[in-house]
Amino acid sequence: MVIASSCSLTAVADVLASLMGQSSNTLRERLRDTFREADAKAGKQRVELDVTECWAPWLAWLLGGWSSHQIKIAMDATSLGDRFVLLAISVVYCRKHPDGRLQRQLPRQ
């Protein structure tokens, strides 16, 4: 998602489609299938993605090139009506300015 400068599924699919030489819509559907339950996917031999198996290796990969020994984790619980609570867990990072000051990461315009 870093190469797409966005977490938007469409933005990620657009970048990956150009890199992989595939249709953006096809790749977007393939990415969406990652999050669906096995029964909701087309075809036979479909499985669900267990994020508990992916989280630790992903975080280890992310921190592999990390120069600092500290990370910050942000958590946000948002209620969606009275039926669901969405829990977002984010790894937060800051870049250091060449003179040593912390520099905020701002979205691209």
N, C-alpha and C. Protein backbone atom coordinates (compact mmCIF):
# COMPACT_ATOMS: atom_id res chain seq x y z
N MET A 1 0.80 -1.18 0.00
CA MET A 1 0.00 0.00 0.00
C MET A 1 0.86 1.26 0.00
N VAL A 2 2.12 1.09 0.36
CA VAL A 2 3.01 2.24 0.36
C VAL A 2 3.22 2.73 -1.06
N ILE A 3 3.35 1.82 -2.01
CA ILE A 3 3.59 2.26 -3.39
C ILE A 3 2.38 2.96 -3.99
N ALA A 4 1.20 2.69 -3.43
CA ALA A 4 -0.02 3.34 -3.92
C ALA A 4 -0.27 4.66 -3.20
N SER A 5 0.48 4.93 -2.14
CA SER A 5 0.29 6.13 -1.30
C SER A 5 -1.13 6.24 -0.78
N SER A 6 -1.78 5.09 -0.61
CA SER A 6 -3.16 5.07 -0.16
C SER A 6 -3.52 3.67 0.31
N CYS A 7 -4.48 3.59 1.21
CA CYS A 7 -5.00 2.30 1.64
C CYS A 7 -6.28 1.95 0.89
N SER A 8 -6.69 2.80 -0.02
CA SER A 8 -7.89 2.56 -0.80
C SER A 8 -7.70 1.32 -1.67
N LEU A 9 -8.67 0.42 -1.64
CA LEU A 9 -8.60 -0.80 -2.42
C LEU A 9 -8.44 -0.49 -3.91
N THR A 10 -9.14 0.52 -4.39
CA THR A 10 -9.05 0.90 -5.80
C THR A 10 -7.66 1.41 -6.14
N ALA A 11 -7.08 2.25 -5.29
CA ALA A 11 -5.74 2.78 -5.54
C ALA A 11 -4.70 1.67 -5.56
N VAL A 12 -4.78 0.76 -4.60
CA VAL A 12 -3.84 -0.37 -4.55
C VAL A 12 -4.01 -1.25 -5.78
N ALA A 13 -5.26 -1.53 -6.17
CA ALA A 13 -5.51 -2.36 -7.35
C ALA A 13 -4.98 -1.69 -8.62
N ASP A 14 -5.14 -0.38 -8.74
CA ASP A 14 -4.65 0.34 -9.92
C ASP A 14 -3.13 0.22 -10.06
N VAL A 15 -2.42 0.39 -8.94
CA VAL A 15 -0.96 0.30 -8.99
C VAL A 15 -0.52 -1.12 -9.29
N LEU A 16 -1.10 -2.10 -8.58
CA LEU A 16 -0.71 -3.49 -8.80
C LEU A 16 -1.07 -3.97 -10.20
N ALA A 17 -2.20 -3.50 -10.72
CA ALA A 17 -2.62 -3.90 -12.08
C ALA A 17 -1.59 -3.46 -13.11
N SER A 18 -1.10 -2.25 -12.98
CA SER A 18 -0.09 -1.78 -13.95
C SER A 18 1.22 -2.55 -13.79
N LEU A 19 1.57 -2.92 -12.57
CA LEU A 19 2.80 -3.68 -12.34
C LEU A 19 2.69 -5.13 -12.83
N MET A 20 1.48 -5.69 -12.70
CA MET A 20 1.29 -7.09 -13.05
C MET A 20 0.72 -7.30 -14.44
N GLY A 21 0.41 -6.20 -15.14
CA GLY A 21 -0.14 -6.31 -16.48
C GLY A 21 -1.52 -6.93 -16.52
N GLN A 22 -2.33 -6.64 -15.52
CA GLN A 22 -3.69 -7.18 -15.44
C GLN A 22 -4.69 -6.04 -15.40
N SER A 23 -5.94 -6.38 -15.60
CA SER A 23 -7.02 -5.41 -15.53
C SER A 23 -7.17 -4.93 -14.09
N SER A 24 -7.40 -3.66 -13.91
CA SER A 24 -7.58 -3.08 -12.58
C SER A 24 -8.80 -3.68 -11.88
N ASN A 25 -9.90 -3.84 -12.63
CA ASN A 25 -11.12 -4.40 -12.04
C ASN A 25 -10.92 -5.85 -11.60
N THR A 26 -10.20 -6.62 -12.42
CA THR A 26 -9.92 -8.02 -12.07
C THR A 26 -9.10 -8.09 -10.79
N LEU A 27 -8.07 -7.29 -10.72
CA LEU A 27 -7.21 -7.30 -9.55
C LEU A 27 -7.95 -6.79 -8.31
N ARG A 28 -8.81 -5.82 -8.49
CA ARG A 28 -9.60 -5.31 -7.36
C ARG A 28 -10.49 -6.41 -6.79
N GLU A 29 -11.13 -7.19 -7.66
CA GLU A 29 -11.97 -8.30 -7.20
C GLU A 29 -11.14 -9.38 -6.51
N ARG A 30 -9.95 -9.65 -7.02
CA ARG A 30 -9.07 -10.63 -6.39
C ARG A 30 -8.68 -10.17 -4.99
N LEU A 31 -8.41 -8.88 -4.84
CA LEU A 31 -8.07 -8.35 -3.52
C LEU A 31 -9.28 -8.41 -2.59
N ARG A 32 -10.47 -8.10 -3.12
CA ARG A 32 -11.69 -8.18 -2.30
C ARG A 32 -11.94 -9.61 -1.84
N ASP A 33 -11.66 -10.59 -2.69
CA ASP A 33 -11.84 -11.99 -2.33
C ASP A 33 -11.00 -12.39 -1.13
N THR A 34 -9.88 -11.71 -0.94
CA THR A 34 -9.01 -12.01 0.20
C THR A 34 -9.75 -11.87 1.51
N PHE A 35 -10.68 -10.92 1.58
CA PHE A 35 -11.38 -10.62 2.83
C PHE A 35 -12.70 -11.35 2.99
N ARG A 36 -13.14 -12.05 1.97
CA ARG A 36 -14.42 -12.75 2.05
C ARG A 36 -14.27 -14.11 2.72
N GLU A 37 -15.38 -14.59 3.29
CA GLU A 37 -15.40 -15.94 3.85
C GLU A 37 -15.30 -16.94 2.71
N ALA A 38 -14.85 -18.14 3.01
CA ALA A 38 -14.66 -19.16 1.98
C ALA A 38 -15.96 -19.44 1.22
N ASP A 39 -17.11 -19.49 1.94
CA ASP A 39 -18.39 -19.79 1.29
C ASP A 39 -18.84 -18.69 0.35
N ALA A 40 -18.36 -17.46 0.54
CA ALA A 40 -18.79 -16.33 -0.29
C ALA A 40 -17.94 -16.18 -1.54
N LYS A 41 -16.92 -17.01 -1.69
CA LYS A 41 -16.02 -16.90 -2.84
C LYS A 41 -16.47 -17.83 -3.96
N ALA A 42 -16.19 -17.43 -5.18
CA ALA A 42 -16.53 -18.25 -6.34
C ALA A 42 -15.52 -19.39 -6.48
N GLY A 43 -15.95 -20.47 -7.05
CA GLY A 43 -15.04 -21.58 -7.32
C GLY A 43 -14.96 -22.57 -6.18
N LYS A 44 -14.23 -23.66 -6.45
CA LYS A 44 -14.04 -24.71 -5.46
C LYS A 44 -12.70 -24.48 -4.77
N GLN A 45 -12.45 -25.16 -3.72
CA GLN A 45 -11.17 -25.10 -2.99
C GLN A 45 -10.81 -23.68 -2.52
N ARG A 46 -11.78 -22.90 -2.14
CA ARG A 46 -11.53 -21.55 -1.63
C ARG A 46 -11.38 -21.61 -0.11
N VAL A 47 -10.47 -20.83 0.42
CA VAL A 47 -10.24 -20.82 1.86
C VAL A 47 -10.34 -19.40 2.40
N GLU A 48 -10.50 -19.30 3.71
CA GLU A 48 -10.54 -18.00 4.37
C GLU A 48 -9.14 -17.59 4.77
N LEU A 49 -8.92 -16.29 4.87
CA LEU A 49 -7.65 -15.75 5.33
C LEU A 49 -7.74 -15.57 6.85
N ASP A 50 -6.85 -16.22 7.57
CA ASP A 50 -6.80 -16.07 9.02
C ASP A 50 -5.77 -14.99 9.34
N VAL A 51 -6.25 -13.78 9.66
CA VAL A 51 -5.33 -12.66 9.88
C VAL A 51 -4.45 -12.86 11.10
N THR A 52 -4.86 -13.73 12.02
CA THR A 52 -4.02 -13.97 13.19
C THR A 52 -2.71 -14.64 12.79
N GLU A 53 -2.71 -15.35 11.67
CA GLU A 53 -1.49 -15.99 11.17
C GLU A 53 -0.62 -15.01 10.38
N CYS A 54 -1.20 -13.92 9.90
CA CYS A 54 -0.47 -12.96 9.04
C CYS A 54 0.11 -11.79 9.82
N TRP A 55 -0.51 -11.40 10.93
CA TRP A 55 -0.17 -10.16 11.61
C TRP A 55 1.28 -10.13 12.07
N ALA A 56 1.73 -11.14 12.81
CA ALA A 56 3.10 -11.14 13.36
C ALA A 56 4.16 -11.16 12.24
N PRO A 57 4.04 -12.02 11.21
CA PRO A 57 5.03 -11.97 10.14
C PRO A 57 5.03 -10.63 9.38
N TRP A 58 3.84 -10.04 9.20
CA TRP A 58 3.77 -8.74 8.52
C TRP A 58 4.47 -7.67 9.34
N LEU A 59 4.22 -7.66 10.65
CA LEU A 59 4.85 -6.67 11.51
C LEU A 59 6.36 -6.88 11.55
N ALA A 60 6.82 -8.12 11.59
CA ALA A 60 8.27 -8.42 11.56
C ALA A 60 8.89 -7.92 10.26
N TRP A 61 8.18 -8.11 9.14
CA TRP A 61 8.68 -7.62 7.85
C TRP A 61 8.76 -6.10 7.84
N LEU A 62 7.72 -5.47 8.36
CA LEU A 62 7.67 -4.02 8.41
C LEU A 62 8.80 -3.44 9.24
N LEU A 63 9.08 -4.07 10.37
CA LEU A 63 10.10 -3.56 11.29
C LEU A 63 11.50 -4.03 10.93
N GLY A 64 11.62 -4.89 9.94
CA GLY A 64 12.93 -5.42 9.54
C GLY A 64 13.93 -4.34 9.18
N GLY A 65 13.51 -3.29 8.51
CA GLY A 65 14.39 -2.21 8.13
C GLY A 65 14.28 -1.00 9.03
N TRP A 66 13.64 -1.17 10.17
CA TRP A 66 13.37 -0.07 11.09
C TRP A 66 14.66 0.33 11.80
N SER A 67 14.96 1.62 11.80
CA SER A 67 16.20 2.08 12.45
C SER A 67 15.99 2.41 13.92
N SER A 68 14.78 2.57 14.36
CA SER A 68 14.49 2.93 15.74
C SER A 68 14.10 1.69 16.53
N HIS A 69 14.23 1.75 17.83
CA HIS A 69 13.82 0.64 18.68
C HIS A 69 12.43 0.87 19.25
N GLN A 70 11.77 1.94 18.86
CA GLN A 70 10.45 2.25 19.38
C GLN A 70 9.44 2.33 18.24
N ILE A 71 8.26 1.82 18.51
CA ILE A 71 7.15 2.01 17.58
C ILE A 71 5.96 2.48 18.42
N LYS A 72 5.02 3.04 17.75
CA LYS A 72 3.79 3.44 18.41
C LYS A 72 2.64 2.69 17.75
N ILE A 73 1.73 2.23 18.56
CA ILE A 73 0.56 1.53 18.05
C ILE A 73 -0.66 2.35 18.46
N ALA A 74 -1.50 2.66 17.49
CA ALA A 74 -2.72 3.42 17.75
C ALA A 74 -3.92 2.48 17.59
N MET A 75 -4.84 2.55 18.53
CA MET A 75 -6.05 1.73 18.45
C MET A 75 -7.27 2.64 18.52
N ASP A 76 -8.27 2.31 17.71
CA ASP A 76 -9.49 3.09 17.70
C ASP A 76 -10.67 2.14 17.59
N ALA A 77 -11.61 2.25 18.51
CA ALA A 77 -12.83 1.45 18.46
C ALA A 77 -13.98 2.39 18.07
N THR A 78 -14.60 2.10 16.95
CA THR A 78 -15.70 2.91 16.45
C THR A 78 -16.97 2.07 16.40
N SER A 79 -18.04 2.56 17.03
CA SER A 79 -19.32 1.84 17.00
C SER A 79 -20.04 2.11 15.70
N LEU A 80 -20.54 1.05 15.10
CA LEU A 80 -21.35 1.17 13.88
C LEU A 80 -22.77 0.80 14.27
N GLY A 81 -23.49 1.82 14.70
CA GLY A 81 -24.84 1.58 15.20
C GLY A 81 -24.76 0.82 16.52
N ASP A 82 -25.70 -0.06 16.78
CA ASP A 82 -25.66 -0.83 18.02
C ASP A 82 -25.33 -2.30 17.75
N ARG A 83 -24.86 -2.59 16.51
CA ARG A 83 -24.61 -3.99 16.16
C ARG A 83 -23.13 -4.35 16.07
N PHE A 84 -22.28 -3.40 15.64
CA PHE A 84 -20.88 -3.72 15.41
C PHE A 84 -19.97 -2.69 16.04
N VAL A 85 -18.78 -3.13 16.36
CA VAL A 85 -17.70 -2.23 16.77
C VAL A 85 -16.51 -2.56 15.88
N LEU A 86 -16.01 -1.55 15.20
CA LEU A 86 -14.85 -1.71 14.33
C LEU A 86 -13.62 -1.34 15.12
N LEU A 87 -12.68 -2.27 15.25
CA LEU A 87 -11.43 -2.01 15.97
C LEU A 87 -10.32 -1.89 14.93
N ALA A 88 -9.71 -0.71 14.87
CA ALA A 88 -8.60 -0.47 13.95
C ALA A 88 -7.32 -0.37 14.76
N ILE A 89 -6.33 -1.16 14.38
CA ILE A 89 -5.03 -1.12 15.03
C ILE A 89 -4.02 -0.70 13.98
N SER A 90 -3.29 0.37 14.26
CA SER A 90 -2.36 0.93 13.28
C SER A 90 -0.96 1.05 13.87
N VAL A 91 0.03 0.80 13.03
CA VAL A 91 1.42 1.06 13.41
C VAL A 91 1.72 2.47 12.93
N VAL A 92 2.13 3.34 13.86
CA VAL A 92 2.34 4.75 13.56
C VAL A 92 3.84 5.01 13.50
N TYR A 93 4.26 5.77 12.51
CA TYR A 93 5.68 6.10 12.39
C TYR A 93 5.85 7.57 12.06
N CYS A 94 7.00 8.10 12.41
CA CYS A 94 7.38 9.47 12.09
C CYS A 94 8.75 9.45 11.45
N ARG A 95 8.97 10.32 10.53
CA ARG A 95 10.29 10.48 9.95
C ARG A 95 11.03 11.57 10.70
N LYS A 96 12.35 11.44 10.74
CA LYS A 96 13.14 12.51 11.34
C LYS A 96 13.64 13.44 10.25
N HIS A 97 13.53 14.71 10.51
CA HIS A 97 14.06 15.74 9.64
C HIS A 97 15.58 15.66 9.69
N PRO A 98 16.30 16.06 8.63
CA PRO A 98 17.77 15.99 8.66
C PRO A 98 18.40 16.68 9.87
N ASP A 99 17.74 17.70 10.44
CA ASP A 99 18.33 18.38 11.60
C ASP A 99 17.91 17.70 12.92
N GLY A 100 17.23 16.55 12.86
CA GLY A 100 16.90 15.80 14.06
C GLY A 100 15.50 15.98 14.58
N ARG A 101 14.77 17.01 14.10
CA ARG A 101 13.39 17.22 14.54
C ARG A 101 12.49 16.15 13.93
N LEU A 102 11.42 15.82 14.63
CA LEU A 102 10.44 14.90 14.05
C LEU A 102 9.61 15.63 13.01
N GLN A 103 9.31 14.94 11.95
CA GLN A 103 8.55 15.53 10.84
C GLN A 103 7.27 14.74 10.69
N ARG A 104 6.13 15.41 10.64
CA ARG A 104 4.86 14.71 10.49
C ARG A 104 4.70 14.20 9.07
N GLN A 105 4.07 13.05 8.96
CA GLN A 105 3.77 12.46 7.66
C GLN A 105 2.44 13.04 7.19
N LEU A 106 2.45 13.82 6.14
CA LEU A 106 1.23 14.45 5.64
C LEU A 106 0.74 13.74 4.40
N PRO A 107 -0.56 13.68 4.18
CA PRO A 107 -1.08 13.03 2.97
C PRO A 107 -0.67 13.81 1.72
N ARG A 108 -0.50 13.07 0.63
CA ARG A 108 -0.18 13.71 -0.64
C ARG A 108 -1.42 14.40 -1.20
N GLN A 109 -1.22 15.50 -1.86
CA GLN A 109 -2.33 16.24 -2.47
C GLN A 109 -2.51 15.83 -3.90
